[in-house]
N, C-alpha and C. Protein backbone atom coordinates (compact mmCIF):
# COMPACT_ATOMS: atom_id res chain seq x y z
N MET A 1 -203.73 -216.36 61.22
CA MET A 1 -202.64 -217.08 61.85
C MET A 1 -201.47 -216.12 62.06
N LYS A 2 -200.70 -216.41 63.08
CA LYS A 2 -199.53 -215.59 63.43
C LYS A 2 -198.28 -216.45 63.32
N VAL A 3 -197.21 -215.87 62.78
CA VAL A 3 -195.94 -216.58 62.61
C VAL A 3 -194.98 -216.18 63.72
N TYR A 4 -194.37 -217.18 64.34
CA TYR A 4 -193.36 -216.98 65.38
C TYR A 4 -192.09 -217.72 64.98
N TRP A 5 -190.96 -217.16 65.32
CA TRP A 5 -189.67 -217.80 65.06
C TRP A 5 -189.11 -218.36 66.37
N THR A 6 -188.68 -219.63 66.35
CA THR A 6 -188.01 -220.19 67.52
C THR A 6 -186.60 -219.61 67.61
N ASP A 7 -185.99 -219.74 68.78
CA ASP A 7 -184.62 -219.25 68.95
C ASP A 7 -183.66 -219.95 67.98
N PHE A 8 -183.86 -221.25 67.78
CA PHE A 8 -183.00 -222.01 66.87
C PHE A 8 -183.11 -221.46 65.46
N ALA A 9 -184.33 -221.19 65.01
CA ALA A 9 -184.54 -220.65 63.66
C ALA A 9 -183.96 -219.24 63.54
N LYS A 10 -184.12 -218.43 64.57
CA LYS A 10 -183.53 -217.08 64.55
C LYS A 10 -182.02 -217.15 64.41
N GLN A 11 -181.41 -218.08 65.15
CA GLN A 11 -179.96 -218.24 65.07
C GLN A 11 -179.54 -218.70 63.68
N SER A 12 -180.29 -219.61 63.09
CA SER A 12 -180.00 -220.08 61.73
C SER A 12 -180.06 -218.92 60.74
N LEU A 13 -181.07 -218.07 60.88
CA LEU A 13 -181.21 -216.91 60.00
C LEU A 13 -180.03 -215.95 60.17
N LYS A 14 -179.62 -215.72 61.41
CA LYS A 14 -178.47 -214.85 61.66
C LYS A 14 -177.21 -215.40 60.99
N GLU A 15 -177.02 -216.71 61.10
CA GLU A 15 -175.84 -217.33 60.49
C GLU A 15 -175.86 -217.19 58.98
N VAL A 16 -177.01 -217.38 58.37
CA VAL A 16 -177.15 -217.20 56.92
C VAL A 16 -176.82 -215.76 56.54
N TYR A 17 -177.40 -214.83 57.27
CA TYR A 17 -177.18 -213.41 56.98
C TYR A 17 -175.69 -213.06 57.07
N HIS A 18 -175.04 -213.48 58.16
CA HIS A 18 -173.63 -213.15 58.35
C HIS A 18 -172.74 -213.83 57.30
N PHE A 19 -173.09 -215.04 56.92
CA PHE A 19 -172.32 -215.74 55.89
C PHE A 19 -172.36 -214.95 54.58
N TYR A 20 -173.54 -214.57 54.15
CA TYR A 20 -173.66 -213.86 52.88
C TYR A 20 -173.11 -212.43 52.96
N ARG A 21 -173.22 -211.82 54.11
CA ARG A 21 -172.65 -210.48 54.27
C ARG A 21 -171.12 -210.54 54.14
N LYS A 22 -170.53 -211.58 54.70
CA LYS A 22 -169.07 -211.74 54.66
C LYS A 22 -168.58 -212.21 53.29
N ASN A 23 -169.29 -213.17 52.69
CA ASN A 23 -168.80 -213.83 51.48
C ASN A 23 -169.37 -213.28 50.18
N ALA A 24 -170.40 -212.47 50.26
CA ALA A 24 -170.97 -211.85 49.05
C ALA A 24 -170.99 -210.34 49.29
N SER A 25 -172.07 -209.84 49.85
CA SER A 25 -172.16 -208.42 50.20
C SER A 25 -173.34 -208.23 51.14
N GLU A 26 -173.39 -207.06 51.76
CA GLU A 26 -174.51 -206.77 52.64
C GLU A 26 -175.81 -206.71 51.84
N LYS A 27 -175.72 -206.21 50.62
CA LYS A 27 -176.90 -206.12 49.76
C LYS A 27 -177.48 -207.52 49.49
N VAL A 28 -176.62 -208.47 49.18
CA VAL A 28 -177.07 -209.85 48.93
C VAL A 28 -177.66 -210.44 50.21
N ALA A 29 -177.00 -210.23 51.34
CA ALA A 29 -177.48 -210.76 52.62
C ALA A 29 -178.87 -210.21 52.94
N LYS A 30 -179.07 -208.92 52.73
CA LYS A 30 -180.37 -208.31 53.00
C LYS A 30 -181.44 -208.83 52.06
N ARG A 31 -181.08 -209.06 50.79
CA ARG A 31 -182.05 -209.58 49.82
C ARG A 31 -182.51 -210.98 50.20
N ILE A 32 -181.56 -211.84 50.58
CA ILE A 32 -181.91 -213.21 50.98
C ILE A 32 -182.80 -213.19 52.22
N LYS A 33 -182.45 -212.36 53.19
CA LYS A 33 -183.25 -212.25 54.41
C LYS A 33 -184.66 -211.75 54.09
N ALA A 34 -184.77 -210.76 53.22
CA ALA A 34 -186.08 -210.23 52.84
C ALA A 34 -186.92 -211.28 52.13
N GLN A 35 -186.29 -212.08 51.26
CA GLN A 35 -187.02 -213.14 50.56
C GLN A 35 -187.55 -214.17 51.55
N ILE A 36 -186.75 -214.51 52.53
CA ILE A 36 -187.17 -215.48 53.55
C ILE A 36 -188.36 -214.93 54.34
N PHE A 37 -188.28 -213.67 54.76
CA PHE A 37 -189.39 -213.07 55.50
C PHE A 37 -190.66 -212.98 54.65
N PHE A 38 -190.50 -212.68 53.36
CA PHE A 38 -191.65 -212.62 52.46
C PHE A 38 -192.35 -213.97 52.41
N LYS A 39 -191.56 -215.03 52.27
CA LYS A 39 -192.14 -216.38 52.22
C LYS A 39 -192.86 -216.74 53.51
N THR A 40 -192.27 -216.40 54.65
CA THR A 40 -192.91 -216.74 55.92
C THR A 40 -194.19 -215.94 56.12
N LYS A 41 -194.23 -214.73 55.60
CA LYS A 41 -195.44 -213.91 55.70
C LYS A 41 -196.61 -214.57 54.95
N LEU A 42 -196.30 -215.24 53.84
CA LEU A 42 -197.34 -215.93 53.07
C LEU A 42 -198.02 -217.03 53.89
N LEU A 43 -197.30 -217.59 54.85
CA LEU A 43 -197.86 -218.66 55.67
C LEU A 43 -199.05 -218.20 56.50
N GLU A 44 -199.10 -216.91 56.82
CA GLU A 44 -200.22 -216.39 57.61
C GLU A 44 -201.55 -216.61 56.89
N GLN A 45 -201.54 -216.59 55.58
CA GLN A 45 -202.76 -216.77 54.80
C GLN A 45 -202.94 -218.21 54.30
N GLN A 46 -201.83 -218.89 54.05
CA GLN A 46 -201.88 -220.24 53.49
C GLN A 46 -200.93 -221.16 54.27
N SER A 47 -201.31 -221.48 55.46
CA SER A 47 -200.41 -222.21 56.36
C SER A 47 -200.05 -223.61 55.87
N LYS A 48 -200.92 -224.24 55.13
CA LYS A 48 -200.65 -225.61 54.70
C LYS A 48 -200.07 -225.69 53.29
N VAL A 49 -199.55 -224.57 52.81
CA VAL A 49 -198.97 -224.54 51.47
C VAL A 49 -197.71 -225.41 51.39
N GLY A 50 -197.01 -225.57 52.50
CA GLY A 50 -195.78 -226.35 52.50
C GLY A 50 -196.02 -227.85 52.52
N GLN A 51 -195.01 -228.56 52.07
CA GLN A 51 -195.06 -230.02 52.08
C GLN A 51 -194.58 -230.55 53.42
N ILE A 52 -194.99 -231.78 53.74
CA ILE A 52 -194.47 -232.45 54.93
C ILE A 52 -192.98 -232.70 54.74
N GLU A 53 -192.18 -232.40 55.75
CA GLU A 53 -190.72 -232.61 55.68
C GLU A 53 -190.41 -234.08 55.97
N PRO A 54 -190.00 -234.85 54.95
CA PRO A 54 -189.80 -236.29 55.13
C PRO A 54 -188.70 -236.65 56.13
N PHE A 55 -187.69 -235.81 56.26
CA PHE A 55 -186.59 -236.13 57.18
C PHE A 55 -186.95 -235.86 58.63
N LEU A 56 -188.12 -235.28 58.88
CA LEU A 56 -188.56 -235.03 60.26
C LEU A 56 -189.86 -235.79 60.59
N GLU A 57 -190.31 -236.64 59.68
CA GLU A 57 -191.56 -237.38 59.91
C GLU A 57 -191.52 -238.26 61.15
N GLU A 58 -190.35 -238.81 61.45
CA GLU A 58 -190.25 -239.72 62.59
C GLU A 58 -190.54 -239.02 63.92
N ILE A 59 -190.41 -237.71 63.96
CA ILE A 59 -190.72 -236.96 65.17
C ILE A 59 -192.23 -236.97 65.42
N GLY A 60 -193.01 -237.01 64.34
CA GLY A 60 -194.45 -237.11 64.46
C GLY A 60 -195.18 -235.81 64.73
N LEU A 61 -194.56 -234.68 64.43
CA LEU A 61 -195.21 -233.39 64.68
C LEU A 61 -195.69 -232.71 63.39
N ASP A 62 -195.59 -233.40 62.27
CA ASP A 62 -196.01 -232.86 60.98
C ASP A 62 -195.30 -231.57 60.60
N HIS A 63 -193.97 -231.58 60.75
CA HIS A 63 -193.19 -230.45 60.27
C HIS A 63 -193.42 -230.29 58.77
N ARG A 64 -193.55 -229.07 58.34
CA ARG A 64 -193.71 -228.74 56.93
C ARG A 64 -192.57 -227.83 56.51
N TYR A 65 -192.44 -227.66 55.19
CA TYR A 65 -191.43 -226.72 54.72
C TYR A 65 -191.91 -226.00 53.45
N ILE A 66 -191.38 -224.81 53.28
CA ILE A 66 -191.51 -224.08 52.02
C ILE A 66 -190.09 -223.70 51.62
N LEU A 67 -189.90 -223.46 50.34
CA LEU A 67 -188.58 -223.11 49.84
C LEU A 67 -188.46 -221.61 49.62
N SER A 68 -187.28 -221.11 49.91
CA SER A 68 -186.91 -219.74 49.58
C SER A 68 -185.48 -219.81 49.06
N GLY A 69 -185.33 -219.77 47.76
CA GLY A 69 -184.00 -219.93 47.17
C GLY A 69 -183.46 -221.31 47.51
N ASN A 70 -182.26 -221.35 48.10
CA ASN A 70 -181.64 -222.62 48.48
C ASN A 70 -182.00 -223.07 49.89
N PHE A 71 -182.99 -222.43 50.49
CA PHE A 71 -183.30 -222.71 51.89
C PHE A 71 -184.68 -223.30 52.07
N LYS A 72 -184.74 -224.30 52.96
CA LYS A 72 -186.02 -224.82 53.42
C LYS A 72 -186.38 -224.05 54.68
N ILE A 73 -187.57 -223.51 54.71
CA ILE A 73 -188.09 -222.88 55.91
C ILE A 73 -188.97 -223.93 56.56
N ILE A 74 -188.50 -224.49 57.66
CA ILE A 74 -189.20 -225.58 58.35
C ILE A 74 -190.15 -224.97 59.38
N TYR A 75 -191.39 -225.45 59.39
CA TYR A 75 -192.36 -224.88 60.33
C TYR A 75 -193.36 -225.91 60.83
N LEU A 76 -194.00 -225.55 61.93
CA LEU A 76 -195.06 -226.35 62.55
C LEU A 76 -196.31 -225.48 62.67
N ILE A 77 -197.45 -226.10 62.52
CA ILE A 77 -198.72 -225.41 62.75
C ILE A 77 -199.28 -225.95 64.07
N GLN A 78 -199.55 -225.04 65.00
CA GLN A 78 -200.16 -225.42 66.28
C GLN A 78 -201.29 -224.45 66.55
N GLY A 79 -202.51 -224.93 66.36
CA GLY A 79 -203.68 -224.07 66.54
C GLY A 79 -203.66 -222.93 65.55
N GLU A 80 -203.71 -221.71 66.04
CA GLU A 80 -203.69 -220.52 65.19
C GLU A 80 -202.28 -219.93 65.06
N SER A 81 -201.28 -220.71 65.46
CA SER A 81 -199.90 -220.24 65.42
C SER A 81 -199.05 -221.09 64.48
N ILE A 82 -198.11 -220.43 63.84
CA ILE A 82 -197.14 -221.10 62.98
C ILE A 82 -195.77 -220.82 63.59
N PHE A 83 -195.01 -221.88 63.84
CA PHE A 83 -193.69 -221.73 64.43
C PHE A 83 -192.63 -222.11 63.41
N ILE A 84 -191.80 -221.14 63.05
CA ILE A 84 -190.66 -221.42 62.20
C ILE A 84 -189.62 -222.06 63.12
N THR A 85 -189.28 -223.31 62.83
CA THR A 85 -188.38 -224.04 63.72
C THR A 85 -186.96 -224.15 63.19
N ASP A 86 -186.77 -223.94 61.88
CA ASP A 86 -185.43 -224.08 61.31
C ASP A 86 -185.37 -223.43 59.94
N LEU A 87 -184.17 -223.09 59.56
CA LEU A 87 -183.86 -222.61 58.22
C LEU A 87 -182.71 -223.49 57.76
N PHE A 88 -182.94 -224.30 56.73
CA PHE A 88 -181.98 -225.33 56.34
C PHE A 88 -181.53 -225.13 54.91
N ASP A 89 -180.22 -225.05 54.71
CA ASP A 89 -179.64 -224.91 53.38
C ASP A 89 -179.75 -226.24 52.65
N THR A 90 -180.46 -226.27 51.54
CA THR A 90 -180.73 -227.52 50.83
C THR A 90 -179.50 -228.08 50.12
N ARG A 91 -178.41 -227.34 50.10
CA ARG A 91 -177.18 -227.85 49.47
C ARG A 91 -176.40 -228.76 50.42
N GLN A 92 -176.86 -228.89 51.65
CA GLN A 92 -176.24 -229.79 52.63
C GLN A 92 -176.82 -231.20 52.47
N ASN A 93 -176.16 -232.15 53.13
CA ASN A 93 -176.71 -233.50 53.22
C ASN A 93 -178.06 -233.39 53.93
N PRO A 94 -179.15 -233.84 53.32
CA PRO A 94 -180.47 -233.68 53.94
C PRO A 94 -180.62 -234.37 55.29
N GLU A 95 -179.81 -235.37 55.56
CA GLU A 95 -179.90 -236.05 56.85
C GLU A 95 -179.42 -235.17 58.00
N LYS A 96 -178.67 -234.10 57.69
CA LYS A 96 -178.19 -233.18 58.73
C LYS A 96 -179.34 -232.40 59.36
N ILE A 97 -180.50 -232.43 58.73
CA ILE A 97 -181.65 -231.70 59.26
C ILE A 97 -182.04 -232.22 60.65
N ASN A 98 -181.69 -233.47 60.95
CA ASN A 98 -181.99 -234.07 62.25
C ASN A 98 -180.91 -233.83 63.29
N ASP A 99 -179.81 -233.21 62.90
CA ASP A 99 -178.67 -233.02 63.80
C ASP A 99 -178.81 -231.70 64.56
N PRO A 100 -179.13 -231.76 65.86
CA PRO A 100 -179.32 -230.53 66.63
C PRO A 100 -178.02 -229.77 66.90
N THR A 101 -176.86 -230.39 66.62
CA THR A 101 -175.59 -229.73 66.89
C THR A 101 -175.04 -228.97 65.69
N ARG A 102 -175.73 -228.99 64.58
CA ARG A 102 -175.18 -228.32 63.39
C ARG A 102 -175.21 -226.83 63.50
């Protein structure tokens, strides 16, 4: 299986990186980014390791998630492809996961 990042997920990752670079350090930002990439790499071998994301069930696409620190890595499996669709900070109100304007 091959992992692809959607534009929305890429933007979320950039925002996380810039937040930690500004508020912690570049070292911390790079570590968090590396941990996220490590987790997504695992999906290539074990795509169904993640749980169904309950706040996205109503969409009906079987979004799944895996955790990396305080972040949910939201993804979809389509054929032999895995699409990372979002990176969501779990310290937020979980209902915000449905808000496309966040």
